Protein backbone atom coordinates (compact mmCIF):
# COMPACT_ATOMS: atom_id res chain seq x y z
CA MET A 1 21.57 -16.53 -26.98
CA LYS A 2 22.41 -13.43 -25.13
CA LYS A 3 19.00 -11.73 -25.47
CA ARG A 4 17.23 -15.13 -24.61
CA LEU A 5 19.42 -14.99 -21.25
CA LEU A 6 18.64 -11.56 -20.67
CA MET A 7 15.02 -12.22 -20.89
CA LEU A 8 15.11 -14.82 -18.68
CA LEU A 9 17.00 -13.11 -15.90
CA LEU A 10 14.30 -10.43 -16.41
CA VAL A 11 11.36 -12.73 -16.02
CA ILE A 12 13.02 -14.29 -12.91
CA ALA A 13 13.50 -11.16 -11.12
CA GLY A 14 9.93 -9.67 -12.07
CA LEU A 15 8.47 -13.02 -10.68
CA SER A 16 10.87 -12.31 -7.47
CA VAL A 17 9.51 -8.63 -7.21
CA SER A 18 6.00 -9.74 -7.23
CA LYS A 19 6.03 -12.22 -5.03
CA SER A 20 7.57 -9.97 -2.41
CA ILE A 21 5.14 -7.13 -3.08
CA ALA A 22 2.40 -10.12 -2.34
CA LYS A 23 4.02 -11.22 1.14
CA VAL A 24 3.92 -7.34 1.82
CA CYS A 25 0.20 -7.26 1.11
CA ASP A 26 -0.81 -10.58 2.81
CA ASP A 27 0.58 -9.20 5.85
CA LEU A 28 -1.83 -6.14 6.05
CA ILE A 29 -4.95 -6.55 8.09
CA GLU A 30 -7.60 -4.26 7.08
CA VAL A 31 -9.19 -2.30 10.19
CA ASP A 32 -12.92 -2.02 10.01
CA LEU A 33 -13.53 1.32 11.71
CA GLN A 34 -16.95 2.65 12.87
CA VAL A 35 -18.42 5.76 13.87
CA GLY A 36 -19.23 6.79 17.27
CA ILE A 37 -20.92 9.81 18.47
CA LEU A 38 -19.11 11.79 21.18
CA HIS A 39 -21.96 14.26 22.23
CA PRO A 40 -25.35 12.74 21.08
CA TYR A 41 -27.53 15.45 23.01
CA GLY A 42 -27.02 19.05 23.84
CA SER A 43 -24.25 19.59 21.30
CA GLY A 44 -26.32 21.98 19.10
CA ASN A 45 -25.62 20.70 16.01
CA PRO A 46 -28.12 18.32 14.50
CA LEU A 47 -26.93 15.00 13.32
CA PRO A 48 -25.67 15.29 9.35
CA LYS A 49 -27.99 14.21 6.72
CA SER A 50 -25.42 12.01 5.24
CA PRO A 51 -23.98 9.16 6.52
CA ILE A 52 -20.25 9.82 8.25
CA ASN A 53 -17.90 7.82 6.45
CA PRO A 54 -14.48 6.51 8.25
CA PRO A 55 -11.38 6.50 7.01
CA SER A 56 -9.76 3.23 5.00
CA ALA A 57 -7.19 1.99 7.73
CA SER A 58 -5.08 -1.25 8.04
CA LEU A 59 -2.55 -2.93 10.46
CA ASP A 60 0.79 -4.57 10.03
CA ASP A 61 1.93 -6.53 13.16
CA HIS A 62 2.52 -2.94 15.30
CA THR A 63 2.24 -0.57 12.24
CA PHE A 64 -1.21 1.43 11.68
CA TYR A 65 -2.19 2.96 8.10
CA ILE A 66 -4.45 5.50 7.32
CA ASN A 67 -5.18 5.04 3.79
CA GLY A 68 -5.67 8.38 1.90
CA GLU A 69 -5.69 12.17 3.02
CA HIS A 70 -6.87 13.16 6.32
CA SER A 71 -7.01 16.41 8.61
CA GLY A 72 -5.25 14.81 11.42
CA TYR A 73 -6.39 12.60 14.26
CA THR A 74 -5.41 12.05 17.95
CA LEU A 75 -5.14 8.01 18.20
CA TYR A 76 -6.36 6.25 21.43
CA LEU A 77 -5.76 2.55 22.57
CA VAL A 78 -8.08 1.98 25.14
CA ASP A 79 -8.08 -1.27 27.11
CA ASN A 80 -11.56 -2.63 28.04
CA SER A 81 -10.59 -5.74 29.92
CA GLY A 82 -11.32 -4.32 33.26
CA ASP A 83 -13.90 -2.58 35.04
CA GLU A 84 -13.29 0.52 34.01
CA PRO A 85 -11.81 1.63 30.28
CA ASP A 86 -8.00 2.38 30.48
CA VAL A 87 -6.45 4.54 27.76
CA VAL A 88 -2.85 3.06 27.53
CA TYR A 89 -1.36 4.81 24.51
CA GLN A 90 -2.54 8.06 22.44
CA VAL A 91 -0.42 9.84 20.09
CA VAL A 92 -1.26 12.84 17.74
CA ILE A 93 -0.97 11.97 13.83
CA PRO A 94 -0.76 15.10 11.86
CA ALA A 95 -2.01 15.78 8.82
CA GLY A 96 -0.10 14.12 6.10
CA VAL A 97 1.16 11.46 8.15
CA ASN A 98 -0.31 8.01 7.18
CA ALA A 99 1.57 5.67 9.23
CA VAL A 100 1.96 5.09 13.21
CA VAL A 101 4.24 2.80 14.76
CA LEU A 102 2.40 1.45 18.02
CA PRO A 103 4.78 0.42 21.10
CA ALA A 104 5.97 -3.22 20.69
CA THR A 105 5.62 -3.68 24.39
CA LEU A 106 1.68 -3.68 23.90
CA SER A 107 -0.15 -7.02 23.41
CA GLY A 108 -3.74 -8.00 23.65
CA THR A 109 -6.93 -6.61 22.19
CA TYR A 110 -7.41 -2.75 22.11
CA GLU A 111 -10.40 -0.55 21.38
CA LEU A 112 -8.32 1.86 18.65
CA GLN A 113 -10.00 5.31 18.34
CA LEU A 114 -9.44 8.18 16.05
CA HIS A 115 -10.49 11.74 17.17
CA ASN A 116 -10.48 14.73 15.16
CA GLY A 117 -11.90 16.97 17.45
CA GLY A 118 -15.40 16.84 16.13
CA ALA A 119 -18.65 15.15 17.46
CA PHE A 120 -17.76 11.99 15.97
CA TYR A 121 -15.13 9.87 16.39
CA PHE A 122 -14.14 6.45 14.73
CA TYR A 123 -13.17 3.16 16.64
CA ALA A 124 -12.26 -0.57 16.02
CA GLU A 125 -11.21 -3.39 18.08
CA ILE A 126 -7.61 -4.59 16.93
CA GLU A 127 -5.15 -7.29 18.19
CA LEU A 128 -1.62 -6.78 18.82
């Protein structure tokens, strides 16, 4: 009888853990990063022969995640709603850091940009 009760408790505990993991995964929004060119002319470097692969990223409320390893980026949030683009937030993301908490005071639609100091950058439109 004790074994059956213990097994039942383990099954219930396992189900509750899997539900909480599923809830965390449901809140993540995949960020589809595109590739932009900073210096299309006169940079002295020809375009690469293979495509540039953007990093995999996701957003959970005001927390931005970079999935996998990276060499470091500068993150910019750009407000394009006015006549001129306006950088409303920027932060350096060092190599090995995979999560950035964006200011909770920001809300609306922004262009998120990741720059690594090269001729290319990655961007996506996000909603906070």
